[in-house]
Every structure is written in C-alpha cells, then in structure tokens.
Amino acid sequence: MPSLLSSASTPFLPLLALPILYWATTLRKRKPKETNLVFYVHDNFAGDDTSAMTVAGKDGPTTSILEFGTLAAVDDPVTEGPDPKSKKIGRAQGLYINSQLDGKGLYLVFSVIFTDGEYKGSTLEIQGADPFSVKEREFSIVSGTGFFRFVKGYGIMTTEFIDIPNLRAILKLDVTVRHY
C-alpha cells in the first residue's frame, strides 16, 4: 500500500496545483469597480400619480404612513432629475414601515429596478433607516443584479421636496457602490 508521501510525488500533483495557482493570481488582479449614481425617487401617496399606499396600520389601510407601525407598499418612479417630467430610468419597488415611536422615521426595504439607460435590466437592493425629518440620511446598498452583481455600497438620501399634508416627496439618492 503506497504511503501518503509517495502519492504526493506522483505526476498528478502539479495538475492539482495549477487551478489553485491560477485562481490565486487572477483574484488579486481583480479589483472592484466603483460606480457613483444620482437619481430621484418620486414618492406619492396621493393624487392622480399615486405610487405608494398604506397596506396596514393601527386603523388598517387608512392609517397614515406618518404613524408608528404603519406599513406601505411602493412602486415609485425613478428619474434622472428632480422634475417629475424628467427622463424615467426605473422604479423603486418595496416596503416602508414607520418604525419610530414618534412617527418620524421609516425603515426601507426596496429595489431600484433600472428600466432604461446604461443600467437597464439591473437592480440595486436598498435597506436601512430613513429618519425623514432629517434633511440628509445614509442607507445601505446590500445587493444587486445585472451590472451590479456582487455589489456593496451606501447612499445618501436627501429630501428635495416634501408636502406632508398631501404625502408627496421627491428624494435624491446619491449612491456609491463597488462591484465586479
């Protein structure tokens, strides 16, 4: 019976080492790309262009998103500029839940689905706290598809416009991601 050491000196050892060496040398050369994006999400709970709605809360679906514990579904337009008539490049689809006792903070979980432009067919998965009473807040990019496969990153959300009585807002998302 051959010993372990004698089997290591067989001609198959170099063949096993070649894929490992190739992987080790190419992995070090692969650097992540960094992409910076700026786009606008139009969040409308009222009007002819409603794109968000409350689905649950203490008074059922009639509860305002401004009340603690309220859950809303969104399918908001995403545009290149802050003007609602600027070029549409995607949709922001997902959920908001009001998770702050005083009602001034949301927890976001949504996908930005690019439907036009350079990133058409790709997505970014966003989640994090949104204390919307603060002008500028940070969120996480936790995943992505297509162009953004293996992405990780962060974004800064800024309220460009807010109309609380009519529950309408335009949010600027300034995103920095690293991906391969």
C-alpha atoms as a PDB file:
ATOM      1  CA  MET A   1       0.000   0.000   0.000  1.00  0.00           C
ATOM      2  CA  PRO A   2       1.556   3.348  -1.019  1.00  0.00           C
ATOM      3  CA  SER A   3       2.131   5.942   1.694  1.00  0.00           C
ATOM      4  CA  LEU A   4       0.657   9.429   1.585  1.00  0.00           C
ATOM      5  CA  LEU A   5       4.063  10.956   0.887  1.00  0.00           C
ATOM      6  CA  SER A   6       4.780   8.714  -2.052  1.00  0.00           C
ATOM      7  CA  SER A   7       1.369   9.520  -3.598  1.00  0.00           C
ATOM      8  CA  ALA A   8       2.188  13.249  -3.282  1.00  0.00           C
ATOM      9  CA  SER A   9       5.148  12.802  -5.580  1.00  0.00           C
ATOM     10  CA  THR A  10       3.005  11.467  -8.396  1.00  0.00           C
ATOM     11  CA  PRO A  11       2.736  13.466 -11.622  1.00  0.00           C
ATOM     12  CA  PHE A  12      -0.847  14.484 -10.705  1.00  0.00           C
ATOM     13  CA  LEU A  13       0.233  16.929  -8.003  1.00  0.00           C
ATOM     14  CA  PRO A  14       1.236  19.674 -10.465  1.00  0.00           C
ATOM     15  CA  LEU A  15      -2.091  19.239 -12.252  1.00  0.00           C
ATOM     16  CA  LEU A  16      -3.951  19.840  -8.994  1.00  0.00           C
ATOM     17  CA  ALA A  17      -1.810  22.861  -8.153  1.00  0.00           C
ATOM     18  CA  LEU A  18      -2.359  24.626 -11.499  1.00  0.00           C
ATOM     19  CA  PRO A  19      -6.012  25.652 -10.921  1.00  0.00           C
ATOM     20  CA  ILE A  20      -5.193  26.849  -7.408  1.00  0.00           C
ATOM     21  CA  LEU A  21      -2.267  28.959  -8.642  1.00  0.00           C
ATOM     22  CA  TYR A  22      -4.354  30.399 -11.477  1.00  0.00           C
ATOM     23  CA  TRP A  23      -7.170  31.319  -9.088  1.00  0.00           C
ATOM     24  CA  ALA A  24      -4.776  32.898  -6.579  1.00  0.00           C
ATOM     25  CA  THR A  25      -3.050  35.082  -9.188  1.00  0.00           C
ATOM     26  CA  THR A  26      -6.182  36.240 -11.019  1.00  0.00           C
ATOM     27  CA  LEU A  27      -8.143  37.008  -7.847  1.00  0.00           C
ATOM     28  CA  ARG A  28      -5.527  39.527  -6.735  1.00  0.00           C
ATOM     29  CA  LYS A  29      -5.700  41.275 -10.122  1.00  0.00           C
ATOM     30  CA  ARG A  30      -9.484  41.633  -9.998  1.00  0.00           C
ATOM     31  CA  LYS A  31     -10.238  44.986  -8.452  1.00  0.00           C
ATOM     32  CA  PRO A  32     -13.796  46.099  -7.791  1.00  0.00           C
ATOM     33  CA  LYS A  33     -15.208  48.896  -9.921  1.00  0.00           C
ATOM     34  CA  GLU A  34     -16.694  51.908  -8.183  1.00  0.00           C
ATOM     35  CA  THR A  35     -19.830  53.455  -9.632  1.00  0.00           C
ATOM     36  CA  ASN A  36     -21.453  56.692  -8.494  1.00  0.00           C
ATOM     37  CA  LEU A  37     -25.103  57.336  -9.356  1.00  0.00           C
ATOM     38  CA  VAL A  38     -27.541  60.135  -8.684  1.00  0.00           C
ATOM     39  CA  PHE A  39     -31.244  59.625  -9.280  1.00  0.00           C
ATOM     40  CA  TYR A  40     -34.574  60.797  -7.894  1.00  0.00           C
ATOM     41  CA  VAL A  41     -37.465  58.838  -6.386  1.00  0.00           C
ATOM     42  CA  HIS A  42     -40.947  60.372  -6.553  1.00  0.00           C
ATOM     43  CA  ASP A  43     -42.968  59.103  -3.594  1.00  0.00           C
ATOM     44  CA  ASN A  44     -46.683  59.927  -3.984  1.00  0.00           C
ATOM     45  CA  PHE A  45     -49.292  58.713  -1.506  1.00  0.00           C
ATOM     46  CA  ALA A  46     -51.985  60.918  -3.089  1.00  0.00           C
ATOM     47  CA  GLY A  47     -53.037  62.404  -6.427  1.00  0.00           C
ATOM     48  CA  ASP A  48     -53.533  61.089  -9.948  1.00  0.00           C
ATOM     49  CA  ASP A  49     -49.989  59.726  -9.970  1.00  0.00           C
ATOM     50  CA  THR A  50     -50.237  57.760  -6.688  1.00  0.00           C
ATOM     51  CA  SER A  51     -47.322  55.323  -6.452  1.00  0.00           C
ATOM     52  CA  ALA A  52     -47.452  54.334  -2.780  1.00  0.00           C
ATOM     53  CA  MET A  53     -50.181  53.144  -0.472  1.00  0.00           C
ATOM     54  CA  THR A  54     -50.658  52.182   3.126  1.00  0.00           C
ATOM     55  CA  VAL A  55     -51.440  48.468   3.454  1.00  0.00           C
ATOM     56  CA  ALA A  56     -51.578  48.044   7.240  1.00  0.00           C
ATOM     57  CA  GLY A  57     -51.596  50.057  10.434  1.00  0.00           C
ATOM     58  CA  LYS A  58     -53.468  50.532  13.693  1.00  0.00           C
ATOM     59  CA  ASP A  59     -56.566  51.678  11.767  1.00  0.00           C
ATOM     60  CA  GLY A  60     -55.988  49.308   8.833  1.00  0.00           C
ATOM     61  CA  PRO A  61     -55.091  50.640   5.384  1.00  0.00           C
ATOM     62  CA  THR A  62     -56.499  54.083   6.220  1.00  0.00           C
ATOM     63  CA  THR A  63     -53.676  54.694   8.716  1.00  0.00           C
ATOM     64  CA  SER A  64     -51.244  57.445   7.749  1.00  0.00           C
ATOM     65  CA  ILE A  65     -47.654  56.429   6.959  1.00  0.00           C
ATOM     66  CA  LEU A  66     -46.724  59.117   9.500  1.00  0.00           C
ATOM     67  CA  GLU A  67     -47.973  56.887  12.370  1.00  0.00           C
ATOM     68  CA  PHE A  68     -45.800  54.331  14.165  1.00  0.00           C
ATOM     69  CA  GLY A  69     -46.328  50.745  12.962  1.00  0.00           C
ATOM     70  CA  THR A  70     -47.794  51.629   9.567  1.00  0.00           C
ATOM     71  CA  LEU A  71     -46.710  49.551   6.562  1.00  0.00           C
ATOM     72  CA  ALA A  72     -46.766  50.874   2.990  1.00  0.00           C
ATOM     73  CA  ALA A  73     -46.081  49.321  -0.401  1.00  0.00           C
ATOM     74  CA  VAL A  74     -44.348  51.495  -3.011  1.00  0.00           C
ATOM     75  CA  ASP A  75     -43.824  51.416  -6.769  1.00  0.00           C
ATOM     76  CA  ASP A  76     -42.317  54.862  -7.225  1.00  0.00           C
ATOM     77  CA  PRO A  77     -40.958  56.333 -10.459  1.00  0.00           C
ATOM     78  CA  VAL A  78     -37.189  56.879 -10.574  1.00  0.00           C
ATOM     79  CA  THR A  79     -35.954  59.748 -12.765  1.00  0.00           C
ATOM     80  CA  GLU A  80     -32.674  61.340 -13.845  1.00  0.00           C
ATOM     81  CA  GLY A  81     -33.627  64.721 -12.415  1.00  0.00           C
ATOM     82  CA  PRO A  82     -35.835  66.148  -9.663  1.00  0.00           C
ATOM     83  CA  ASP A  83     -38.553  67.277 -12.081  1.00  0.00           C
ATOM     84  CA  PRO A  84     -41.302  64.620 -12.258  1.00  0.00           C
ATOM     85  CA  LYS A  85     -41.234  65.113 -16.065  1.00  0.00           C
ATOM     86  CA  SER A  86     -37.519  64.303 -16.352  1.00  0.00           C
ATOM     87  CA  LYS A  87     -36.474  61.054 -18.045  1.00  0.00           C
ATOM     88  CA  LYS A  88     -37.739  57.949 -16.234  1.00  0.00           C
ATOM     89  CA  ILE A  89     -34.957  55.417 -15.715  1.00  0.00           C
ATOM     90  CA  GLY A  90     -36.615  52.952 -13.370  1.00  0.00           C
ATOM     91  CA  ARG A  91     -38.896  52.094 -10.480  1.00  0.00           C
ATOM     92  CA  ALA A  92     -38.359  51.883  -6.721  1.00  0.00           C
ATOM     93  CA  GLN A  93     -40.432  48.926  -5.537  1.00  0.00           C
ATOM     94  CA  GLY A  94     -40.729  47.619  -1.992  1.00  0.00           C
ATOM     95  CA  LEU A  95     -41.905  48.440   1.500  1.00  0.00           C
ATOM     96  CA  TYR A  96     -41.693  51.193   4.100  1.00  0.00           C
ATOM     97  CA  ILE A  97     -42.627  50.675   7.713  1.00  0.00           C
ATOM     98  CA  ASN A  98     -42.886  53.525  10.182  1.00  0.00           C
ATOM     99  CA  SER A  99     -40.566  52.184  12.870  1.00  0.00           C
ATOM    100  CA  GLN A 100     -40.035  55.231  15.067  1.00  0.00           C
ATOM    101  CA  LEU A 101     -42.320  55.728  18.074  1.00  0.00           C
ATOM    102  CA  ASP A 102     -42.806  59.431  17.346  1.00  0.00           C
ATOM    103  CA  GLY A 103     -43.680  58.602  13.700  1.00  0.00           C
ATOM    104  CA  LYS A 104     -40.724  60.488  12.217  1.00  0.00           C
ATOM    105  CA  GLY A 105     -38.701  57.549  10.920  1.00  0.00           C
ATOM    106  CA  LEU A 106     -39.183  54.772   8.405  1.00  0.00           C
ATOM    107  CA  TYR A 107     -37.400  51.508   7.742  1.00  0.00           C
ATOM    108  CA  LEU A 108     -36.915  50.981   3.993  1.00  0.00           C
ATOM    109  CA  VAL A 109     -36.588  47.766   2.029  1.00  0.00           C
ATOM    110  CA  PHE A 110     -36.868  48.279  -1.717  1.00  0.00           C
ATOM    111  CA  SER A 111     -35.355  47.516  -5.102  1.00  0.00           C
ATOM    112  CA  VAL A 112     -34.367  50.131  -7.632  1.00  0.00           C
ATOM    113  CA  ILE A 113     -35.147  48.437 -10.938  1.00  0.00           C
ATOM    114  CA  PHE A 114     -33.498  50.183 -13.879  1.00  0.00           C
ATOM    115  CA  THR A 115     -35.782  50.137 -16.931  1.00  0.00           C
ATOM    116  CA  ASP A 116     -33.853  52.498 -19.218  1.00  0.00           C
ATOM    117  CA  GLY A 117     -30.358  53.796 -19.814  1.00  0.00           C
ATOM    118  CA  GLU A 118     -26.938  52.305 -19.189  1.00  0.00           C
ATOM    119  CA  TYR A 119     -28.082  50.053 -16.315  1.00  0.00           C
ATOM    120  CA  LYS A 120     -31.330  48.789 -17.923  1.00  0.00           C
ATOM    121  CA  GLY A 121     -32.235  45.362 -16.541  1.00  0.00           C
ATOM    122  CA  SER A 122     -30.075  45.757 -13.413  1.00  0.00           C
ATOM    123  CA  THR A 123     -31.224  46.293  -9.832  1.00  0.00           C
ATOM    124  CA  LEU A 124     -29.937  47.718  -6.566  1.00  0.00           C
ATOM    125  CA  GLU A 125     -31.315  46.438  -3.263  1.00  0.00           C
ATOM    126  CA  ILE A 126     -31.641  49.167  -0.645  1.00  0.00           C
ATOM    127  CA  GLN A 127     -32.401  48.864   3.037  1.00  0.00           C
ATOM    128  CA  GLY A 128     -31.995  50.923   6.140  1.00  0.00           C
ATOM    129  CA  ALA A 129     -33.356  53.592   8.407  1.00  0.00           C
ATOM    130  CA  ASP A 130     -34.945  56.720   6.985  1.00  0.00           C
ATOM    131  CA  PRO A 131     -35.441  59.347   9.698  1.00  0.00           C
ATOM    132  CA  PHE A 132     -37.204  61.567   7.137  1.00  0.00           C
ATOM    133  CA  SER A 133     -37.308  64.579   9.471  1.00  0.00           C
ATOM    134  CA  VAL A 134     -33.539  64.844   8.892  1.00  0.00           C
ATOM    135  CA  LYS A 135     -32.602  66.532   5.580  1.00  0.00           C
ATOM    136  CA  GLU A 136     -29.778  64.090   4.730  1.00  0.00           C
ATOM    137  CA  ARG A 137     -29.533  60.435   5.799  1.00  0.00           C
ATOM    138  CA  GLU A 138     -27.440  57.406   4.885  1.00  0.00           C
ATOM    139  CA  PHE A 139     -28.671  53.965   3.780  1.00  0.00           C
ATOM    140  CA  SER A 140     -27.143  50.653   2.702  1.00  0.00           C
ATOM    141  CA  ILE A 141     -26.895  49.014  -0.694  1.00  0.00           C
ATOM    142  CA  VAL A 142     -26.957  45.337   0.229  1.00  0.00           C
ATOM    143  CA  SER A 143     -27.158  43.540  -3.104  1.00  0.00           C
ATOM    144  CA  GLY A 144     -27.818  43.890  -6.801  1.00  0.00           C
ATOM    145  CA  THR A 145     -28.247  42.139 -10.128  1.00  0.00           C
ATOM    146  CA  GLY A 146     -27.009  42.536 -13.697  1.00  0.00           C
ATOM    147  CA  PHE A 147     -24.400  45.308 -13.903  1.00  0.00           C
ATOM    148  CA  PHE A 148     -24.436  45.468 -10.086  1.00  0.00           C
ATOM    149  CA  ARG A 149     -23.825  41.777  -9.327  1.00  0.00           C
ATOM    150  CA  PHE A 150     -21.902  41.323  -6.043  1.00  0.00           C
ATOM    151  CA  VAL A 151     -22.459  44.987  -5.193  1.00  0.00           C
ATOM    152  CA  LYS A 152     -21.996  46.599  -1.826  1.00  0.00           C
ATOM    153  CA  GLY A 153     -22.198  50.235  -1.003  1.00  0.00           C
ATOM    154  CA  TYR A 154     -24.072  53.095   0.545  1.00  0.00           C
ATOM    155  CA  GLY A 155     -26.141  56.076  -0.402  1.00  0.00           C
ATOM    156  CA  ILE A 156     -27.090  59.487   0.874  1.00  0.00           C
ATOM    157  CA  MET A 157     -30.782  60.331   0.663  1.00  0.00           C
ATOM    158  CA  THR A 158     -31.760  63.981   0.588  1.00  0.00           C
ATOM    159  CA  THR A 159     -35.306  65.315   0.654  1.00  0.00           C
ATOM    160  CA  GLU A 160     -35.546  67.636  -2.354  1.00  0.00           C
ATOM    161  CA  PHE A 161     -39.254  68.332  -1.862  1.00  0.00           C
ATOM    162  CA  ILE A 162     -41.803  67.304   0.749  1.00  0.00           C
ATOM    163  CA  ASP A 163     -45.518  68.070   1.018  1.00  0.00           C
ATOM    164  CA  ILE A 164     -46.592  66.386   4.269  1.00  0.00           C
ATOM    165  CA  PRO A 165     -50.314  67.330   4.098  1.00  0.00           C
ATOM    166  CA  ASN A 166     -50.566  65.654   0.662  1.00  0.00           C
ATOM    167  CA  LEU A 167     -47.959  62.947   1.458  1.00  0.00           C
ATOM    168  CA  ARG A 168     -45.751  63.657  -1.557  1.00  0.00           C
ATOM    169  CA  ALA A 169     -41.976  63.753  -1.661  1.00  0.00           C
ATOM    170  CA  ILE A 170     -39.075  63.860  -4.103  1.00  0.00           C
ATOM    171  CA  LEU A 171     -35.972  62.138  -2.784  1.00  0.00           C
ATOM    172  CA  LYS A 172     -32.484  62.499  -4.201  1.00  0.00           C
ATOM    173  CA  LEU A 173     -30.398  59.321  -3.885  1.00  0.00           C
ATOM    174  CA  ASP A 174     -26.643  59.784  -4.261  1.00  0.00           C
ATOM    175  CA  VAL A 175     -25.257  56.234  -4.410  1.00  0.00           C
ATOM    176  CA  THR A 176     -21.704  54.873  -4.301  1.00  0.00           C
ATOM    177  CA  VAL A 177     -21.262  51.162  -4.965  1.00  0.00           C
ATOM    178  CA  ARG A 178     -18.390  48.728  -5.523  1.00  0.00           C
ATOM    179  CA  HIS A 179     -18.947  45.716  -7.749  1.00  0.00           C
ATOM    180  CA  TYR A 180     -17.117  43.408 -10.179  1.00  0.00           C
END
